[in-house]
All heavy atoms as atom14 arrays in JSON, in Angstrom:
{
  "sequence": "SVNGINAELTFNKDNKVKTGDNDVMITLHDDKDKEIENAD",
  "atom14_mask": [
    [1, 1, 1, 1, 1, 1, 0, 0, 0, 0, 0, 0, 0, 0],
    [1, 1, 1, 1, 1, 1, 1, 0, 0, 0, 0, 0, 0, 0],
    [1, 1, 1, 1, 1, 1, 1, 1, 0, 0, 0, 0, 0, 0],
    [1, 1, 1, 1, 0, 0, 0, 0, 0, 0, 0, 0, 0, 0],
    [1, 1, 1, 1, 1, 1, 1, 1, 0, 0, 0, 0, 0, 0],
    [1, 1, 1, 1, 1, 1, 1, 1, 0, 0, 0, 0, 0, 0],
    [1, 1, 1, 1, 1, 0, 0, 0, 0, 0, 0, 0, 0, 0],
    [1, 1, 1, 1, 1, 1, 1, 1, 1, 0, 0, 0, 0, 0],
    [1, 1, 1, 1, 1, 1, 1, 1, 0, 0, 0, 0, 0, 0],
    [1, 1, 1, 1, 1, 1, 1, 0, 0, 0, 0, 0, 0, 0],
    [1, 1, 1, 1, 1, 1, 1, 1, 1, 1, 1, 0, 0, 0],
    [1, 1, 1, 1, 1, 1, 1, 1, 0, 0, 0, 0, 0, 0],
    [1, 1, 1, 1, 1, 1, 1, 1, 1, 0, 0, 0, 0, 0],
    [1, 1, 1, 1, 1, 1, 1, 1, 0, 0, 0, 0, 0, 0],
    [1, 1, 1, 1, 1, 1, 1, 1, 0, 0, 0, 0, 0, 0],
    [1, 1, 1, 1, 1, 1, 1, 1, 1, 0, 0, 0, 0, 0],
    [1, 1, 1, 1, 1, 1, 1, 0, 0, 0, 0, 0, 0, 0],
    [1, 1, 1, 1, 1, 1, 1, 1, 1, 0, 0, 0, 0, 0],
    [1, 1, 1, 1, 1, 1, 1, 0, 0, 0, 0, 0, 0, 0],
    [1, 1, 1, 1, 0, 0, 0, 0, 0, 0, 0, 0, 0, 0],
    [1, 1, 1, 1, 1, 1, 1, 1, 0, 0, 0, 0, 0, 0],
    [1, 1, 1, 1, 1, 1, 1, 1, 0, 0, 0, 0, 0, 0],
    [1, 1, 1, 1, 1, 1, 1, 1, 0, 0, 0, 0, 0, 0],
    [1, 1, 1, 1, 1, 1, 1, 0, 0, 0, 0, 0, 0, 0],
    [1, 1, 1, 1, 1, 1, 1, 1, 0, 0, 0, 0, 0, 0],
    [1, 1, 1, 1, 1, 1, 1, 1, 0, 0, 0, 0, 0, 0],
    [1, 1, 1, 1, 1, 1, 1, 0, 0, 0, 0, 0, 0, 0],
    [1, 1, 1, 1, 1, 1, 1, 1, 0, 0, 0, 0, 0, 0],
    [1, 1, 1, 1, 1, 1, 1, 1, 1, 1, 0, 0, 0, 0],
    [1, 1, 1, 1, 1, 1, 1, 1, 0, 0, 0, 0, 0, 0],
    [1, 1, 1, 1, 1, 1, 1, 1, 0, 0, 0, 0, 0, 0],
    [1, 1, 1, 1, 1, 1, 1, 1, 1, 0, 0, 0, 0, 0],
    [1, 1, 1, 1, 1, 1, 1, 1, 0, 0, 0, 0, 0, 0],
    [1, 1, 1, 1, 1, 1, 1, 1, 1, 0, 0, 0, 0, 0],
    [1, 1, 1, 1, 1, 1, 1, 1, 1, 0, 0, 0, 0, 0],
    [1, 1, 1, 1, 1, 1, 1, 1, 0, 0, 0, 0, 0, 0],
    [1, 1, 1, 1, 1, 1, 1, 1, 1, 0, 0, 0, 0, 0],
    [1, 1, 1, 1, 1, 1, 1, 1, 0, 0, 0, 0, 0, 0],
    [1, 1, 1, 1, 1, 0, 0, 0, 0, 0, 0, 0, 0, 0],
    [1, 1, 1, 1, 1, 1, 1, 1, 0, 0, 0, 0, 0, 0]
  ],
  "atom14_positions": [
    [[61.49, 121.1, 117.61], [61.25, 121.18, 119.05], [62.58, 121.12, 119.69], [63.47, 120.29, 119.43], [60.39, 119.99, 119.47], [59.13, 120.1, 118.91], [0.0, 0.0, 0.0], [0.0, 0.0, 0.0], [0.0, 0.0, 0.0], [0.0, 0.0, 0.0], [0.0, 0.0, 0.0], [0.0, 0.0, 0.0], [0.0, 0.0, 0.0], [0.0, 0.0, 0.0]],
    [[62.74, 121.9, 120.83], [63.91, 121.92, 121.68], [63.53, 122.21, 123.1], [62.88, 123.24, 123.37], [64.94, 122.96, 121.19], [66.08, 123.11, 122.22], [65.51, 122.64, 119.82], [0.0, 0.0, 0.0], [0.0, 0.0, 0.0], [0.0, 0.0, 0.0], [0.0, 0.0, 0.0], [0.0, 0.0, 0.0], [0.0, 0.0, 0.0], [0.0, 0.0, 0.0]],
    [[63.8, 121.3, 124.01], [63.63, 121.49, 125.48], [62.27, 122.08, 125.82], [62.2, 123.15, 126.48], [64.73, 122.43, 126.04], [66.11, 121.76, 125.87], [66.22, 120.53, 125.84], [67.12, 122.56, 125.83], [0.0, 0.0, 0.0], [0.0, 0.0, 0.0], [0.0, 0.0, 0.0], [0.0, 0.0, 0.0], [0.0, 0.0, 0.0], [0.0, 0.0, 0.0]],
    [[61.19, 121.52, 125.39], [59.93, 121.96, 125.67], [59.37, 123.17, 124.94], [58.28, 123.68, 125.2], [0.0, 0.0, 0.0], [0.0, 0.0, 0.0], [0.0, 0.0, 0.0], [0.0, 0.0, 0.0], [0.0, 0.0, 0.0], [0.0, 0.0, 0.0], [0.0, 0.0, 0.0], [0.0, 0.0, 0.0], [0.0, 0.0, 0.0], [0.0, 0.0, 0.0]],
    [[60.03, 123.61, 123.92], [59.59, 124.65, 123.04], [59.44, 124.14, 121.64], [60.36, 123.53, 121.09], [60.55, 125.9, 123.04], [60.52, 126.55, 124.39], [60.17, 126.87, 121.96], [61.41, 127.77, 124.45], [0.0, 0.0, 0.0], [0.0, 0.0, 0.0], [0.0, 0.0, 0.0], [0.0, 0.0, 0.0], [0.0, 0.0, 0.0], [0.0, 0.0, 0.0]],
    [[58.28, 124.38, 121.07], [57.99, 124.02, 119.65], [58.06, 125.3, 118.87], [57.31, 126.24, 119.1], [56.61, 123.37, 119.51], [56.51, 122.09, 120.28], [57.44, 121.29, 120.33], [55.38, 121.89, 120.89], [0.0, 0.0, 0.0], [0.0, 0.0, 0.0], [0.0, 0.0, 0.0], [0.0, 0.0, 0.0], [0.0, 0.0, 0.0], [0.0, 0.0, 0.0]],
    [[58.99, 125.36, 117.88], [59.15, 126.58, 117.07], [58.87, 126.2, 115.6], [59.24, 125.18, 115.08], [60.6, 127.07, 117.22], [0.0, 0.0, 0.0], [0.0, 0.0, 0.0], [0.0, 0.0, 0.0], [0.0, 0.0, 0.0], [0.0, 0.0, 0.0], [0.0, 0.0, 0.0], [0.0, 0.0, 0.0], [0.0, 0.0, 0.0], [0.0, 0.0, 0.0]],
    [[58.15, 127.17, 114.96], [57.83, 127.0, 113.56], [58.35, 128.26, 112.8], [57.97, 129.29, 113.18], [56.32, 126.87, 113.34], [55.95, 126.77, 111.85], [54.47, 126.69, 111.65], [53.69, 126.81, 112.6], [54.02, 126.61, 110.47], [0.0, 0.0, 0.0], [0.0, 0.0, 0.0], [0.0, 0.0, 0.0], [0.0, 0.0, 0.0], [0.0, 0.0, 0.0]],
    [[59.2, 128.0, 111.82], [59.81, 129.1, 111.02], [59.11, 129.2, 109.69], [58.98, 128.15, 108.99], [61.32, 128.83, 110.8], [62.04, 129.8, 109.93], [62.22, 131.18, 110.56], [63.43, 129.29, 109.48], [0.0, 0.0, 0.0], [0.0, 0.0, 0.0], [0.0, 0.0, 0.0], [0.0, 0.0, 0.0], [0.0, 0.0, 0.0], [0.0, 0.0, 0.0]],
    [[58.58, 130.36, 109.29], [57.86, 130.53, 108.15], [58.37, 131.78, 107.41], [58.71, 132.76, 108.04], [56.37, 130.73, 108.37], [55.89, 129.72, 109.28], [55.55, 130.68, 107.11], [0.0, 0.0, 0.0], [0.0, 0.0, 0.0], [0.0, 0.0, 0.0], [0.0, 0.0, 0.0], [0.0, 0.0, 0.0], [0.0, 0.0, 0.0], [0.0, 0.0, 0.0]],
    [[58.53, 131.73, 106.08], [58.92, 132.8, 105.23], [57.87, 133.26, 104.27], [57.21, 132.32, 103.67], [60.19, 132.5, 104.42], [61.45, 132.29, 105.22], [61.88, 131.09, 105.58], [62.16, 133.43, 105.63], [63.02, 130.92, 106.31], [63.34, 133.25, 106.36], [63.75, 132.05, 106.71], [0.0, 0.0, 0.0], [0.0, 0.0, 0.0], [0.0, 0.0, 0.0]],
    [[57.6, 134.53, 104.11], [56.73, 135.08, 103.06], [55.38, 134.31, 103.06], [55.11, 133.42, 103.88], [57.38, 135.0, 101.76], [58.75, 135.77, 101.69], [58.87, 136.85, 102.29], [59.79, 135.25, 101.12], [0.0, 0.0, 0.0], [0.0, 0.0, 0.0], [0.0, 0.0, 0.0], [0.0, 0.0, 0.0], [0.0, 0.0, 0.0], [0.0, 0.0, 0.0]],
    [[54.53, 134.75, 102.13], [53.25, 134.13, 101.96], [53.34, 132.65, 101.42], [52.65, 131.74, 101.87], [52.44, 134.86, 100.91], [51.52, 135.89, 101.46], [50.97, 136.62, 100.29], [49.55, 137.0, 100.46], [49.03, 137.8, 99.4], [0.0, 0.0, 0.0], [0.0, 0.0, 0.0], [0.0, 0.0, 0.0], [0.0, 0.0, 0.0], [0.0, 0.0, 0.0]],
    [[54.2, 132.42, 100.54], [54.36, 131.14, 99.85], [55.42, 130.26, 100.45], [55.73, 129.18, 99.98], [54.64, 131.3, 98.33], [55.79, 132.18, 98.03], [56.53, 132.63, 98.96], [56.09, 132.49, 96.87], [0.0, 0.0, 0.0], [0.0, 0.0, 0.0], [0.0, 0.0, 0.0], [0.0, 0.0, 0.0], [0.0, 0.0, 0.0], [0.0, 0.0, 0.0]],
    [[56.08, 130.72, 101.49], [57.18, 130.1, 102.17], [58.36, 129.76, 101.3], [59.1, 128.78, 101.52], [56.65, 128.79, 102.93], [57.46, 128.43, 104.14], [58.01, 129.33, 104.79], [57.59, 127.22, 104.5], [0.0, 0.0, 0.0], [0.0, 0.0, 0.0], [0.0, 0.0, 0.0], [0.0, 0.0, 0.0], [0.0, 0.0, 0.0], [0.0, 0.0, 0.0]],
    [[58.52, 130.55, 100.26], [59.7, 130.47, 99.38], [60.68, 131.59, 99.91], [60.31, 132.71, 100.06], [59.36, 130.65, 97.97], [58.52, 129.48, 97.39], [58.28, 129.51, 95.92], [57.53, 128.27, 95.56], [56.78, 128.35, 94.45], [0.0, 0.0, 0.0], [0.0, 0.0, 0.0], [0.0, 0.0, 0.0], [0.0, 0.0, 0.0], [0.0, 0.0, 0.0]],
    [[61.94, 131.16, 99.93], [62.97, 132.1, 100.43], [63.8, 132.53, 99.24], [64.28, 131.73, 98.53], [63.88, 131.37, 101.45], [64.74, 132.44, 102.16], [63.05, 130.64, 102.55], [0.0, 0.0, 0.0], [0.0, 0.0, 0.0], [0.0, 0.0, 0.0], [0.0, 0.0, 0.0], [0.0, 0.0, 0.0], [0.0, 0.0, 0.0], [0.0, 0.0, 0.0]],
    [[63.84, 133.86, 99.05], [64.49, 134.42, 97.84], [65.6, 135.39, 98.34], [65.51, 135.96, 99.5], [63.52, 135.1, 97.03], [62.41, 134.21, 96.54], [61.34, 134.98, 95.75], [60.31, 133.97, 95.32], [59.02, 134.5, 95.35], [0.0, 0.0, 0.0], [0.0, 0.0, 0.0], [0.0, 0.0, 0.0], [0.0, 0.0, 0.0], [0.0, 0.0, 0.0]],
    [[66.51, 135.74, 97.47], [67.51, 136.77, 97.74], [66.79, 138.04, 97.94], [65.7, 138.26, 97.32], [68.5, 136.85, 96.62], [67.88, 137.06, 95.41], [69.45, 135.58, 96.58], [0.0, 0.0, 0.0], [0.0, 0.0, 0.0], [0.0, 0.0, 0.0], [0.0, 0.0, 0.0], [0.0, 0.0, 0.0], [0.0, 0.0, 0.0], [0.0, 0.0, 0.0]],
    [[67.26, 138.96, 98.75], [66.61, 140.16, 99.01], [65.77, 140.07, 100.33], [65.99, 139.16, 101.13], [0.0, 0.0, 0.0], [0.0, 0.0, 0.0], [0.0, 0.0, 0.0], [0.0, 0.0, 0.0], [0.0, 0.0, 0.0], [0.0, 0.0, 0.0], [0.0, 0.0, 0.0], [0.0, 0.0, 0.0], [0.0, 0.0, 0.0], [0.0, 0.0, 0.0]],
    [[64.83, 141.04, 100.47], [64.03, 141.04, 101.68], [63.0, 139.94, 101.69], [62.34, 139.68, 100.69], [63.29, 142.37, 101.76], [64.15, 143.51, 102.26], [65.14, 143.27, 102.93], [63.87, 144.69, 101.95], [0.0, 0.0, 0.0], [0.0, 0.0, 0.0], [0.0, 0.0, 0.0], [0.0, 0.0, 0.0], [0.0, 0.0, 0.0], [0.0, 0.0, 0.0]],
    [[62.83, 139.29, 102.86], [61.9, 138.28, 103.1], [61.21, 138.58, 104.38], [61.82, 138.93, 105.38], [62.57, 136.86, 103.21], [63.12, 136.41, 101.85], [62.4, 135.77, 101.16], [64.37, 136.75, 101.57], [0.0, 0.0, 0.0], [0.0, 0.0, 0.0], [0.0, 0.0, 0.0], [0.0, 0.0, 0.0], [0.0, 0.0, 0.0], [0.0, 0.0, 0.0]],
    [[59.83, 138.33, 104.46], [59.15, 138.38, 105.72], [59.48, 137.09, 106.47], [59.52, 136.03, 105.86], [57.67, 138.5, 105.51], [57.27, 139.81, 104.83], [57.85, 140.84, 105.22], [56.32, 139.81, 104.03], [0.0, 0.0, 0.0], [0.0, 0.0, 0.0], [0.0, 0.0, 0.0], [0.0, 0.0, 0.0], [0.0, 0.0, 0.0], [0.0, 0.0, 0.0]],
    [[59.7, 137.17, 107.73], [59.97, 135.97, 108.54], [59.19, 135.94, 109.76], [58.88, 137.05, 110.33], [61.53, 135.87, 108.84], [62.0, 137.0, 109.65], [61.88, 134.51, 109.49], [0.0, 0.0, 0.0], [0.0, 0.0, 0.0], [0.0, 0.0, 0.0], [0.0, 0.0, 0.0], [0.0, 0.0, 0.0], [0.0, 0.0, 0.0], [0.0, 0.0, 0.0]],
    [[58.68, 134.77, 110.15], [57.88, 134.64, 111.35], [58.28, 133.35, 112.05], [58.42, 132.32, 111.45], [56.38, 134.57, 110.98], [55.43, 134.38, 112.17], [53.68, 134.47, 111.76], [53.48, 132.95, 110.91], [0.0, 0.0, 0.0], [0.0, 0.0, 0.0], [0.0, 0.0, 0.0], [0.0, 0.0, 0.0], [0.0, 0.0, 0.0], [0.0, 0.0, 0.0]],
    [[58.44, 133.42, 113.38], [58.61, 132.26, 114.2], [57.45, 132.21, 115.19], [57.16, 133.21, 115.89], [59.97, 132.32, 114.96], [61.08, 132.18, 113.98], [60.03, 131.28, 116.04], [62.47, 132.12, 114.57], [0.0, 0.0, 0.0], [0.0, 0.0, 0.0], [0.0, 0.0, 0.0], [0.0, 0.0, 0.0], [0.0, 0.0, 0.0], [0.0, 0.0, 0.0]],
    [[56.73, 131.08, 115.19], [55.61, 130.87, 116.1], [56.14, 129.9, 117.21], [56.71, 128.9, 116.89], [54.45, 130.25, 115.36], [54.14, 131.1, 114.24], [53.2, 130.18, 116.3], [0.0, 0.0, 0.0], [0.0, 0.0, 0.0], [0.0, 0.0, 0.0], [0.0, 0.0, 0.0], [0.0, 0.0, 0.0], [0.0, 0.0, 0.0], [0.0, 0.0, 0.0]],
    [[55.88, 130.28, 118.44], [56.36, 129.49, 119.63], [55.22, 128.94, 120.39], [54.28, 129.7, 120.72], [57.28, 130.37, 120.51], [58.52, 130.98, 119.91], [59.22, 131.89, 120.87], [59.45, 129.87, 119.4], [0.0, 0.0, 0.0], [0.0, 0.0, 0.0], [0.0, 0.0, 0.0], [0.0, 0.0, 0.0], [0.0, 0.0, 0.0], [0.0, 0.0, 0.0]],
    [[55.31, 127.71, 120.75], [54.33, 126.99, 121.66], [55.19, 126.21, 122.7], [56.29, 125.73, 122.33], [53.48, 126.04, 120.91], [52.52, 126.72, 120.01], [52.81, 127.05, 118.69], [51.24, 127.13, 120.15], [51.8, 127.66, 118.12], [50.86, 127.72, 118.99], [0.0, 0.0, 0.0], [0.0, 0.0, 0.0], [0.0, 0.0, 0.0], [0.0, 0.0, 0.0]],
    [[54.58, 126.01, 123.85], [55.24, 125.12, 124.83], [54.8, 123.72, 124.55], [54.05, 123.43, 123.63], [54.92, 125.65, 126.28], [53.48, 125.52, 126.64], [52.7, 124.88, 125.93], [53.09, 126.12, 127.61], [0.0, 0.0, 0.0], [0.0, 0.0, 0.0], [0.0, 0.0, 0.0], [0.0, 0.0, 0.0], [0.0, 0.0, 0.0], [0.0, 0.0, 0.0]],
    [[55.31, 122.74, 125.41], [54.95, 121.33, 125.14], [53.5, 121.0, 125.41], [53.03, 119.9, 125.06], [55.87, 120.47, 125.97], [55.82, 120.81, 127.48], [55.14, 121.74, 127.9], [56.66, 120.15, 128.2], [0.0, 0.0, 0.0], [0.0, 0.0, 0.0], [0.0, 0.0, 0.0], [0.0, 0.0, 0.0], [0.0, 0.0, 0.0], [0.0, 0.0, 0.0]],
    [[52.69, 121.95, 125.91], [51.24, 121.77, 126.1], [50.46, 122.53, 125.02], [49.29, 122.75, 125.17], [50.82, 122.26, 127.55], [51.43, 121.47, 128.62], [51.03, 121.97, 129.99], [51.65, 121.15, 131.08], [52.82, 121.75, 131.66], [0.0, 0.0, 0.0], [0.0, 0.0, 0.0], [0.0, 0.0, 0.0], [0.0, 0.0, 0.0], [0.0, 0.0, 0.0]],
    [[51.16, 122.95, 124.01], [50.62, 123.64, 122.84], [50.02, 125.01, 123.16], [49.11, 125.54, 122.5], [49.57, 122.77, 122.08], [49.46, 123.17, 120.61], [50.43, 123.6, 120.05], [48.36, 123.06, 120.07], [0.0, 0.0, 0.0], [0.0, 0.0, 0.0], [0.0, 0.0, 0.0], [0.0, 0.0, 0.0], [0.0, 0.0, 0.0], [0.0, 0.0, 0.0]],
    [[50.55, 125.63, 124.22], [50.16, 126.96, 124.61], [51.09, 127.96, 123.99], [52.38, 127.72, 124.07], [50.14, 127.1, 126.1], [49.6, 128.44, 126.63], [49.5, 128.47, 128.13], [48.91, 129.77, 128.55], [49.87, 130.76, 128.89], [0.0, 0.0, 0.0], [0.0, 0.0, 0.0], [0.0, 0.0, 0.0], [0.0, 0.0, 0.0], [0.0, 0.0, 0.0]],
    [[50.64, 129.09, 123.42], [51.52, 130.08, 122.84], [52.46, 130.7, 123.88], [52.01, 130.97, 125.02], [50.63, 131.23, 122.2], [49.83, 130.88, 121.03], [48.36, 130.46, 121.4], [48.02, 130.66, 122.58], [47.66, 130.02, 120.57], [0.0, 0.0, 0.0], [0.0, 0.0, 0.0], [0.0, 0.0, 0.0], [0.0, 0.0, 0.0], [0.0, 0.0, 0.0]],
    [[53.6, 130.95, 123.4], [54.64, 131.56, 124.28], [54.67, 133.09, 123.75], [55.21, 133.33, 122.69], [56.01, 130.9, 124.2], [55.93, 129.44, 124.61], [57.05, 131.67, 124.95], [57.16, 128.62, 124.41], [0.0, 0.0, 0.0], [0.0, 0.0, 0.0], [0.0, 0.0, 0.0], [0.0, 0.0, 0.0], [0.0, 0.0, 0.0], [0.0, 0.0, 0.0]],
    [[54.22, 134.0, 124.64], [54.16, 135.38, 124.27], [55.13, 136.28, 124.93], [55.11, 137.45, 124.7], [52.72, 135.84, 124.46], [51.75, 135.09, 123.67], [50.35, 135.71, 123.65], [50.18, 136.83, 124.13], [49.39, 135.04, 123.19], [0.0, 0.0, 0.0], [0.0, 0.0, 0.0], [0.0, 0.0, 0.0], [0.0, 0.0, 0.0], [0.0, 0.0, 0.0]],
    [[55.94, 135.74, 125.86], [56.88, 136.61, 126.64], [58.31, 136.26, 126.32], [59.16, 136.46, 127.16], [56.58, 136.5, 128.1], [56.76, 135.01, 128.56], [56.81, 134.06, 127.78], [56.84, 134.8, 129.87], [0.0, 0.0, 0.0], [0.0, 0.0, 0.0], [0.0, 0.0, 0.0], [0.0, 0.0, 0.0], [0.0, 0.0, 0.0], [0.0, 0.0, 0.0]],
    [[58.6, 135.95, 125.06], [59.97, 135.56, 124.71], [60.63, 136.77, 124.02], [60.0, 137.63, 123.49], [59.93, 134.32, 123.82], [0.0, 0.0, 0.0], [0.0, 0.0, 0.0], [0.0, 0.0, 0.0], [0.0, 0.0, 0.0], [0.0, 0.0, 0.0], [0.0, 0.0, 0.0], [0.0, 0.0, 0.0], [0.0, 0.0, 0.0], [0.0, 0.0, 0.0]],
    [[61.95, 136.73, 124.07], [62.79, 137.63, 123.3], [63.4, 136.73, 122.21], [64.19, 135.84, 122.53], [63.89, 138.23, 124.23], [64.71, 139.21, 123.45], [64.21, 139.9, 122.49], [65.93, 139.39, 123.86], [0.0, 0.0, 0.0], [0.0, 0.0, 0.0], [0.0, 0.0, 0.0], [0.0, 0.0, 0.0], [0.0, 0.0, 0.0], [0.0, 0.0, 0.0]]
  ]
}
């Protein structure tokens, strides 16, 4: 969490990070647990 933003970083299906290509996802919520959909 940073300044009212909760960020969750997830890699791949099993969340194991390996050399080479990895799927990455960041999920953003505000401090009221509402999704943030207009971010860059």
